[in-house]
Amino acid sequence: MNGIRAFKKAIELSFEWRLAGYNVIDIEGNTIAPVLDLLCEEDGHKPRYLMAEIGGLMGIQGKVVLLPVGMLTRAGSGQVIANSTREQIQQAELLDDPDNPNRREEEKIFIHYGLRPYWEVEEAVEASKEAKKDTEKKESEDEKDGPEADDA
């Protein structure tokens, strides 16, 4: 994924993604880390991952983890809840370049959190839309043919 950091590049985000200054909270209510940034697609700026830095201490850089946006809930009061435990987040694999994860790294992220990758979800949604269009088209054609067939 060719990513772009939303806060760093001052990308205009919709309200639900304005998370600068928020803290990541796990499902048990523990504060994990402050939100570092959102990693968005270069084309269209669609948020894909929340970036958080965990384990840093007194000027020593921690590990940057990517949390898929599908596992997040904005809770208000400066908090975003990750549908995960602290331990699972801490065990996330170290990435070569968190700003630009490759497809293999992205797959590992989704497997780690037990989630379906966004590209598979989007393909399924698109296929569903196409199937719905086909069904509506067939029903429309049947309606046009229906009364004439009954009169014969």
N, C-alpha and C. Protein backbone atom coordinates (compact mmCIF):
# COMPACT_ATOMS: atom_id res chain seq x y z
N MET A 1 0.84 -1.18 0.00
CA MET A 1 0.00 0.00 0.00
C MET A 1 0.88 1.24 0.00
N ASN A 2 0.64 2.12 -0.92
CA ASN A 2 1.32 3.41 -0.89
C ASN A 2 0.52 4.31 0.03
N GLY A 3 1.04 4.49 1.23
CA GLY A 3 0.30 5.23 2.23
C GLY A 3 0.72 6.67 2.35
N ILE A 4 -0.17 7.43 2.95
CA ILE A 4 0.11 8.83 3.24
C ILE A 4 -0.40 9.11 4.65
N ARG A 5 0.41 9.77 5.44
CA ARG A 5 0.04 10.05 6.83
C ARG A 5 -0.84 11.30 6.86
N ALA A 6 -2.06 11.11 7.30
CA ALA A 6 -3.07 12.18 7.25
C ALA A 6 -2.71 13.39 8.10
N PHE A 7 -2.27 13.18 9.33
CA PHE A 7 -1.99 14.31 10.21
C PHE A 7 -0.72 15.03 9.76
N LYS A 8 0.27 14.24 9.39
CA LYS A 8 1.55 14.80 8.96
C LYS A 8 1.39 15.65 7.71
N LYS A 9 0.52 15.22 6.79
CA LYS A 9 0.30 15.94 5.54
C LYS A 9 -0.89 16.90 5.60
N ALA A 10 -1.50 17.00 6.78
CA ALA A 10 -2.65 17.90 6.99
C ALA A 10 -3.77 17.65 5.98
N ILE A 11 -4.10 16.38 5.80
CA ILE A 11 -5.19 16.00 4.90
C ILE A 11 -6.51 16.31 5.58
N GLU A 12 -7.44 16.85 4.83
CA GLU A 12 -8.78 17.14 5.35
C GLU A 12 -9.52 15.82 5.54
N LEU A 13 -9.90 15.54 6.76
CA LEU A 13 -10.59 14.29 7.10
C LEU A 13 -12.01 14.57 7.54
N SER A 14 -12.90 13.60 7.32
CA SER A 14 -14.26 13.74 7.84
C SER A 14 -14.21 13.63 9.36
N PHE A 15 -15.27 14.06 10.00
CA PHE A 15 -15.30 14.17 11.46
C PHE A 15 -14.87 12.89 12.16
N GLU A 16 -15.39 11.73 11.72
CA GLU A 16 -15.10 10.49 12.44
C GLU A 16 -13.63 10.10 12.42
N TRP A 17 -12.84 10.70 11.52
CA TRP A 17 -11.41 10.38 11.44
C TRP A 17 -10.52 11.47 12.02
N ARG A 18 -11.10 12.47 12.60
CA ARG A 18 -10.29 13.52 13.23
C ARG A 18 -9.91 13.05 14.64
N LEU A 19 -8.85 12.27 14.69
CA LEU A 19 -8.46 11.59 15.93
C LEU A 19 -7.14 12.08 16.52
N ALA A 20 -6.61 13.18 15.99
CA ALA A 20 -5.37 13.73 16.53
C ALA A 20 -5.58 14.06 18.00
N GLY A 21 -4.66 13.63 18.83
CA GLY A 21 -4.76 13.89 20.27
C GLY A 21 -5.56 12.84 21.03
N TYR A 22 -6.13 11.88 20.33
CA TYR A 22 -6.90 10.81 20.98
C TYR A 22 -5.96 9.73 21.53
N ASN A 23 -6.49 8.93 22.42
CA ASN A 23 -5.77 7.77 22.94
C ASN A 23 -6.44 6.50 22.46
N VAL A 24 -5.63 5.48 22.18
CA VAL A 24 -6.15 4.17 21.83
C VAL A 24 -6.40 3.42 23.13
N ILE A 25 -7.62 2.87 23.25
CA ILE A 25 -8.04 2.11 24.43
C ILE A 25 -8.33 0.69 23.98
N ASP A 26 -7.91 -0.31 24.77
CA ASP A 26 -8.22 -1.69 24.39
C ASP A 26 -9.62 -2.07 24.88
N ILE A 27 -10.06 -3.30 24.56
CA ILE A 27 -11.42 -3.71 24.91
C ILE A 27 -11.63 -3.88 26.41
N GLU A 28 -10.54 -3.88 27.17
CA GLU A 28 -10.64 -3.99 28.62
C GLU A 28 -10.57 -2.62 29.30
N GLY A 29 -10.50 -1.55 28.48
CA GLY A 29 -10.48 -0.20 29.03
C GLY A 29 -9.10 0.35 29.35
N ASN A 30 -8.05 -0.37 28.99
CA ASN A 30 -6.68 0.08 29.25
C ASN A 30 -6.22 1.05 28.17
N THR A 31 -5.55 2.12 28.58
CA THR A 31 -4.97 3.04 27.61
C THR A 31 -3.73 2.38 27.03
N ILE A 32 -3.68 2.30 25.70
CA ILE A 32 -2.57 1.63 25.02
C ILE A 32 -1.51 2.64 24.59
N ALA A 33 -1.93 3.67 23.88
CA ALA A 33 -0.99 4.65 23.34
C ALA A 33 -1.77 5.80 22.73
N PRO A 34 -1.13 6.94 22.58
CA PRO A 34 -1.78 8.02 21.84
C PRO A 34 -1.82 7.69 20.35
N VAL A 35 -2.81 8.23 19.66
CA VAL A 35 -2.89 8.08 18.21
C VAL A 35 -1.73 8.87 17.62
N LEU A 36 -0.93 8.19 16.82
CA LEU A 36 0.22 8.82 16.17
C LEU A 36 -0.20 9.49 14.87
N ASP A 37 -1.01 8.77 14.09
CA ASP A 37 -1.46 9.29 12.79
C ASP A 37 -2.45 8.31 12.21
N LEU A 38 -3.01 8.66 11.07
CA LEU A 38 -3.83 7.75 10.27
C LEU A 38 -3.10 7.51 8.97
N LEU A 39 -2.99 6.25 8.58
CA LEU A 39 -2.38 5.92 7.31
C LEU A 39 -3.50 5.78 6.29
N CYS A 40 -3.47 6.63 5.29
CA CYS A 40 -4.52 6.67 4.28
C CYS A 40 -3.95 6.25 2.92
N GLU A 41 -4.86 5.84 2.03
CA GLU A 41 -4.45 5.56 0.67
C GLU A 41 -4.02 6.86 0.01
N GLU A 42 -3.03 6.75 -0.83
CA GLU A 42 -2.54 7.93 -1.53
C GLU A 42 -3.62 8.50 -2.45
N ASP A 43 -4.32 7.61 -3.15
CA ASP A 43 -5.41 8.02 -4.03
C ASP A 43 -6.71 8.02 -3.23
N GLY A 44 -7.34 9.15 -3.09
CA GLY A 44 -8.62 9.24 -2.41
C GLY A 44 -8.55 9.46 -0.91
N HIS A 45 -7.39 9.26 -0.33
CA HIS A 45 -7.17 9.50 1.10
C HIS A 45 -8.09 8.71 2.02
N LYS A 46 -8.45 7.51 1.62
CA LYS A 46 -9.31 6.66 2.46
C LYS A 46 -8.48 6.09 3.61
N PRO A 47 -8.88 6.34 4.88
CA PRO A 47 -8.14 5.79 6.01
C PRO A 47 -8.15 4.26 6.00
N ARG A 48 -6.98 3.67 6.20
CA ARG A 48 -6.84 2.21 6.25
C ARG A 48 -6.37 1.72 7.61
N TYR A 49 -5.48 2.51 8.23
CA TYR A 49 -4.90 2.10 9.52
C TYR A 49 -4.74 3.29 10.44
N LEU A 50 -4.91 3.03 11.71
CA LEU A 50 -4.53 3.98 12.74
C LEU A 50 -3.12 3.61 13.14
N MET A 51 -2.26 4.59 13.26
CA MET A 51 -0.87 4.35 13.67
C MET A 51 -0.75 4.74 15.14
N ALA A 52 -0.14 3.84 15.91
CA ALA A 52 0.13 4.12 17.32
C ALA A 52 1.55 3.66 17.63
N GLU A 53 2.20 4.36 18.52
CA GLU A 53 3.54 3.97 18.94
C GLU A 53 3.45 3.43 20.35
N ILE A 54 3.83 2.17 20.50
CA ILE A 54 3.75 1.52 21.81
C ILE A 54 5.14 1.20 22.34
N GLY A 55 5.28 1.25 23.64
CA GLY A 55 6.52 0.82 24.28
C GLY A 55 7.64 1.84 24.34
N GLY A 56 7.45 3.04 23.86
CA GLY A 56 8.50 4.05 23.95
C GLY A 56 8.62 4.56 25.37
N LEU A 57 9.83 4.96 25.74
CA LEU A 57 10.04 5.43 27.11
C LEU A 57 11.17 6.45 27.14
N MET A 58 10.92 7.58 27.74
CA MET A 58 11.91 8.64 27.95
C MET A 58 12.80 8.90 26.73
N GLY A 59 12.17 9.24 25.62
CA GLY A 59 12.92 9.60 24.42
C GLY A 59 13.34 8.42 23.57
N ILE A 60 13.14 7.21 24.04
CA ILE A 60 13.46 6.03 23.23
C ILE A 60 12.24 5.68 22.42
N GLN A 61 12.42 5.59 21.10
CA GLN A 61 11.30 5.33 20.21
C GLN A 61 10.74 3.94 20.45
N GLY A 62 9.40 3.85 20.46
CA GLY A 62 8.73 2.57 20.62
C GLY A 62 8.47 1.93 19.27
N LYS A 63 7.64 0.93 19.29
CA LYS A 63 7.27 0.20 18.08
C LYS A 63 5.99 0.82 17.51
N VAL A 64 6.02 1.14 16.22
CA VAL A 64 4.84 1.68 15.55
C VAL A 64 4.00 0.50 15.07
N VAL A 65 2.74 0.46 15.51
CA VAL A 65 1.82 -0.58 15.07
C VAL A 65 0.72 0.05 14.24
N LEU A 66 0.20 -0.76 13.31
CA LEU A 66 -0.91 -0.33 12.47
C LEU A 66 -2.14 -1.11 12.91
N LEU A 67 -3.20 -0.39 13.24
CA LEU A 67 -4.47 -1.00 13.63
C LEU A 67 -5.47 -0.77 12.50
N PRO A 68 -5.98 -1.83 11.89
CA PRO A 68 -6.96 -1.66 10.82
C PRO A 68 -8.16 -0.85 11.31
N VAL A 69 -8.62 0.08 10.49
CA VAL A 69 -9.71 0.96 10.91
C VAL A 69 -11.00 0.20 11.20
N GLY A 70 -11.16 -0.99 10.63
CA GLY A 70 -12.35 -1.78 10.87
C GLY A 70 -12.47 -2.32 12.28
N MET A 71 -11.40 -2.23 13.06
CA MET A 71 -11.44 -2.71 14.44
C MET A 71 -11.55 -1.56 15.44
N LEU A 72 -11.83 -0.38 14.95
CA LEU A 72 -11.84 0.81 15.81
C LEU A 72 -13.24 1.39 15.96
N THR A 73 -13.48 1.94 17.15
CA THR A 73 -14.72 2.66 17.43
C THR A 73 -14.35 3.96 18.12
N ARG A 74 -14.82 5.04 17.56
CA ARG A 74 -14.59 6.34 18.21
C ARG A 74 -15.51 6.43 19.41
N ALA A 75 -14.92 6.65 20.59
CA ALA A 75 -15.70 6.62 21.82
C ALA A 75 -15.96 8.01 22.38
N GLY A 76 -15.44 9.02 21.78
CA GLY A 76 -15.59 10.36 22.33
C GLY A 76 -14.62 10.56 23.48
N SER A 77 -14.67 11.68 24.11
CA SER A 77 -13.78 11.99 25.23
C SER A 77 -12.31 11.72 24.91
N GLY A 78 -11.95 11.93 23.65
CA GLY A 78 -10.55 11.75 23.27
C GLY A 78 -10.09 10.31 23.22
N GLN A 79 -11.02 9.39 23.02
CA GLN A 79 -10.66 7.97 23.00
C GLN A 79 -11.17 7.27 21.75
N VAL A 80 -10.37 6.34 21.28
CA VAL A 80 -10.79 5.44 20.21
C VAL A 80 -10.53 4.03 20.73
N ILE A 81 -11.56 3.20 20.67
CA ILE A 81 -11.45 1.85 21.22
C ILE A 81 -11.04 0.87 20.12
N ALA A 82 -10.00 0.10 20.41
CA ALA A 82 -9.55 -0.96 19.50
C ALA A 82 -10.17 -2.26 19.99
N ASN A 83 -10.80 -2.98 19.10
CA ASN A 83 -11.44 -4.25 19.45
C ASN A 83 -10.35 -5.33 19.57
N SER A 84 -9.52 -5.17 20.59
CA SER A 84 -8.38 -6.04 20.82
C SER A 84 -7.90 -5.85 22.25
N THR A 85 -7.03 -6.74 22.69
CA THR A 85 -6.43 -6.60 24.01
C THR A 85 -5.07 -5.91 23.89
N ARG A 86 -4.60 -5.40 24.99
CA ARG A 86 -3.27 -4.78 25.04
C ARG A 86 -2.22 -5.79 24.56
N GLU A 87 -2.33 -7.02 25.04
CA GLU A 87 -1.35 -8.04 24.70
C GLU A 87 -1.31 -8.30 23.20
N GLN A 88 -2.48 -8.39 22.58
CA GLN A 88 -2.52 -8.65 21.15
C GLN A 88 -1.89 -7.49 20.38
N ILE A 89 -2.17 -6.28 20.79
CA ILE A 89 -1.59 -5.11 20.12
C ILE A 89 -0.07 -5.09 20.32
N GLN A 90 0.39 -5.40 21.52
CA GLN A 90 1.83 -5.42 21.78
C GLN A 90 2.54 -6.51 20.98
N GLN A 91 1.84 -7.58 20.66
CA GLN A 91 2.44 -8.70 19.93
C GLN A 91 2.40 -8.50 18.40
N ALA A 92 1.89 -7.38 17.96
CA ALA A 92 1.85 -7.11 16.52
C ALA A 92 3.27 -7.11 15.96
N GLU A 93 3.38 -7.61 14.74
CA GLU A 93 4.68 -7.73 14.09
C GLU A 93 5.29 -6.36 13.79
N LEU A 94 6.59 -6.27 13.96
CA LEU A 94 7.33 -5.06 13.61
C LEU A 94 7.37 -4.94 12.08
N LEU A 95 7.04 -3.78 11.56
CA LEU A 95 7.01 -3.57 10.11
C LEU A 95 8.29 -2.90 9.63
N ASP A 96 8.70 -3.25 8.40
CA ASP A 96 9.89 -2.63 7.82
C ASP A 96 9.70 -1.12 7.67
N ASP A 97 8.55 -0.74 7.12
CA ASP A 97 8.23 0.67 6.90
C ASP A 97 6.75 0.87 7.19
N PRO A 98 6.39 1.26 8.41
CA PRO A 98 4.97 1.41 8.76
C PRO A 98 4.20 2.39 7.87
N ASP A 99 4.90 3.33 7.24
CA ASP A 99 4.24 4.27 6.35
C ASP A 99 3.82 3.62 5.03
N ASN A 100 4.45 2.52 4.67
CA ASN A 100 4.18 1.85 3.39
C ASN A 100 4.25 0.34 3.54
N PRO A 101 3.29 -0.25 4.24
CA PRO A 101 3.33 -1.71 4.39
C PRO A 101 3.09 -2.39 3.04
N ASN A 102 3.82 -3.47 2.80
CA ASN A 102 3.57 -4.21 1.56
C ASN A 102 2.39 -5.16 1.79
N ARG A 103 1.90 -5.76 0.72
CA ARG A 103 0.69 -6.60 0.82
C ARG A 103 0.89 -7.76 1.80
N ARG A 104 2.07 -8.35 1.80
CA ARG A 104 2.36 -9.46 2.72
C ARG A 104 2.23 -9.00 4.18
N GLU A 105 2.78 -7.82 4.48
CA GLU A 105 2.68 -7.27 5.83
C GLU A 105 1.23 -6.95 6.18
N GLU A 106 0.49 -6.41 5.21
CA GLU A 106 -0.92 -6.11 5.45
C GLU A 106 -1.70 -7.39 5.75
N GLU A 107 -1.43 -8.45 4.99
CA GLU A 107 -2.11 -9.73 5.24
C GLU A 107 -1.82 -10.21 6.66
N LYS A 108 -0.56 -10.09 7.09
CA LYS A 108 -0.19 -10.52 8.45
C LYS A 108 -0.92 -9.70 9.51
N ILE A 109 -1.09 -8.41 9.25
CA ILE A 109 -1.81 -7.55 10.20
C ILE A 109 -3.24 -8.06 10.36
N PHE A 110 -3.92 -8.32 9.26
CA PHE A 110 -5.31 -8.76 9.33
C PHE A 110 -5.43 -10.16 9.94
N ILE A 111 -4.50 -11.03 9.64
CA ILE A 111 -4.50 -12.36 10.25
C ILE A 111 -4.29 -12.23 11.76
N HIS A 112 -3.35 -11.39 12.16
CA HIS A 112 -3.04 -11.19 13.59
C HIS A 112 -4.29 -10.78 14.38
N TYR A 113 -5.10 -9.91 13.80
CA TYR A 113 -6.29 -9.42 14.50
C TYR A 113 -7.55 -10.21 14.16
N GLY A 114 -7.42 -11.23 13.31
CA GLY A 114 -8.57 -12.07 12.97
C GLY A 114 -9.61 -11.34 12.15
N LEU A 115 -9.15 -10.45 11.28
CA LEU A 115 -10.06 -9.64 10.46
C LEU A 115 -9.91 -9.99 8.99
N ARG A 116 -10.95 -9.71 8.24
CA ARG A 116 -10.92 -9.88 6.78
C ARG A 116 -10.27 -8.63 6.19
N PRO A 117 -9.30 -8.79 5.29
CA PRO A 117 -8.61 -7.63 4.70
C PRO A 117 -9.58 -6.70 3.96
N TYR A 118 -9.31 -5.42 4.03
CA TYR A 118 -10.19 -4.42 3.41
C TYR A 118 -10.37 -4.67 1.93
N TRP A 119 -9.35 -5.13 1.23
CA TRP A 119 -9.48 -5.34 -0.22
C TRP A 119 -10.45 -6.49 -0.51
N GLU A 120 -10.50 -7.51 0.34
CA GLU A 120 -11.48 -8.59 0.16
C GLU A 120 -12.89 -8.10 0.47
N VAL A 121 -13.03 -7.29 1.50
CA VAL A 121 -14.33 -6.74 1.87
C VAL A 121 -14.85 -5.88 0.73
N GLU A 122 -14.00 -5.03 0.18
CA GLU A 122 -14.42 -4.14 -0.91
C GLU A 122 -14.79 -4.93 -2.16
N GLU A 123 -14.06 -6.01 -2.45
CA GLU A 123 -14.40 -6.86 -3.59
C GLU A 123 -15.77 -7.51 -3.39
N ALA A 124 -16.03 -7.98 -2.17
CA ALA A 124 -17.31 -8.62 -1.86
C ALA A 124 -18.46 -7.62 -1.97
N VAL A 125 -18.24 -6.40 -1.49
CA VAL A 125 -19.27 -5.36 -1.58
C VAL A 125 -19.55 -5.04 -3.05
N GLU A 126 -18.50 -4.93 -3.84
CA GLU A 126 -18.67 -4.63 -5.27
C GLU A 126 -19.42 -5.76 -5.97
N ALA A 127 -19.07 -7.01 -5.66
CA ALA A 127 -19.75 -8.16 -6.26
C ALA A 127 -21.22 -8.18 -5.85
N SER A 128 -21.50 -7.82 -4.61
CA SER A 128 -22.88 -7.77 -4.12
C SER A 128 -23.68 -6.70 -4.86
N LYS A 129 -23.06 -5.54 -5.09
CA LYS A 129 -23.73 -4.47 -5.83
C LYS A 129 -24.05 -4.91 -7.26
N GLU A 130 -23.10 -5.59 -7.88
CA GLU A 130 -23.31 -6.08 -9.24
C GLU A 130 -24.44 -7.10 -9.28
N ALA A 131 -24.46 -8.01 -8.30
CA ALA A 131 -25.51 -9.03 -8.25
C ALA A 131 -26.87 -8.37 -8.05
N LYS A 132 -26.92 -7.34 -7.22
CA LYS A 132 -28.18 -6.63 -6.97
C LYS A 132 -28.66 -5.95 -8.26
N LYS A 133 -27.74 -5.32 -8.98
CA LYS A 133 -28.10 -4.68 -10.26
C LYS A 133 -28.65 -5.70 -11.23
N ASP A 134 -27.97 -6.86 -11.32
CA ASP A 134 -28.42 -7.92 -12.23
C ASP A 134 -29.82 -8.41 -11.85
N THR A 135 -30.06 -8.58 -10.54
CA THR A 135 -31.38 -9.03 -10.06
C THR A 135 -32.45 -8.00 -10.39
N GLU A 136 -32.16 -6.73 -10.13
CA GLU A 136 -33.13 -5.67 -10.42
C GLU A 136 -33.41 -5.58 -11.92
N LYS A 137 -32.38 -5.76 -12.73
CA LYS A 137 -32.56 -5.72 -14.18
C LYS A 137 -33.44 -6.88 -14.63
N LYS A 138 -33.18 -8.08 -14.09
CA LYS A 138 -33.97 -9.25 -14.45
C LYS A 138 -35.43 -9.07 -14.00
N GLU A 139 -35.64 -8.56 -12.78
CA GLU A 139 -37.00 -8.34 -12.28
C GLU A 139 -37.73 -7.32 -13.14
N SER A 140 -37.01 -6.29 -13.57
CA SER A 140 -37.61 -5.27 -14.42
C SER A 140 -38.01 -5.87 -15.77
N GLU A 141 -37.15 -6.70 -16.33
CA GLU A 141 -37.47 -7.36 -17.60
C GLU A 141 -38.64 -8.32 -17.44
N ASP A 142 -38.68 -9.03 -16.29
CA ASP A 142 -39.78 -9.97 -16.03
C ASP A 142 -41.11 -9.23 -15.91
N GLU A 143 -41.08 -8.04 -15.28
CA GLU A 143 -42.29 -7.24 -15.14
C GLU A 143 -42.80 -6.79 -16.51
N LYS A 144 -41.86 -6.43 -17.39
CA LYS A 144 -42.27 -6.02 -18.74
C LYS A 144 -42.84 -7.19 -19.53
N ASP A 145 -42.25 -8.35 -19.37
CA ASP A 145 -42.71 -9.54 -20.10
C ASP A 145 -43.93 -10.17 -19.45
N GLY A 146 -44.10 -9.98 -18.16
CA GLY A 146 -45.15 -10.66 -17.40
C GLY A 146 -46.56 -10.43 -17.90
N PRO A 147 -47.07 -9.22 -17.99
CA PRO A 147 -48.44 -9.00 -18.39
C PRO A 147 -48.74 -9.50 -19.81
N GLU A 148 -47.78 -9.35 -20.72
CA GLU A 148 -47.99 -9.82 -22.08
C GLU A 148 -48.11 -11.33 -22.12
N ALA A 149 -47.30 -12.02 -21.33
CA ALA A 149 -47.34 -13.48 -21.30
C ALA A 149 -48.66 -13.96 -20.73
N ASP A 150 -49.23 -13.22 -19.76
CA ASP A 150 -50.50 -13.61 -19.15
C ASP A 150 -51.67 -13.43 -20.12
N ASP A 151 -51.60 -12.43 -21.01
CA ASP A 151 -52.68 -12.15 -21.95
C ASP A 151 -52.74 -13.19 -23.07
N ALA A 152 -51.65 -13.84 -23.33
CA ALA A 152 -51.60 -14.78 -24.48
C ALA A 152 -52.37 -16.02 -24.28
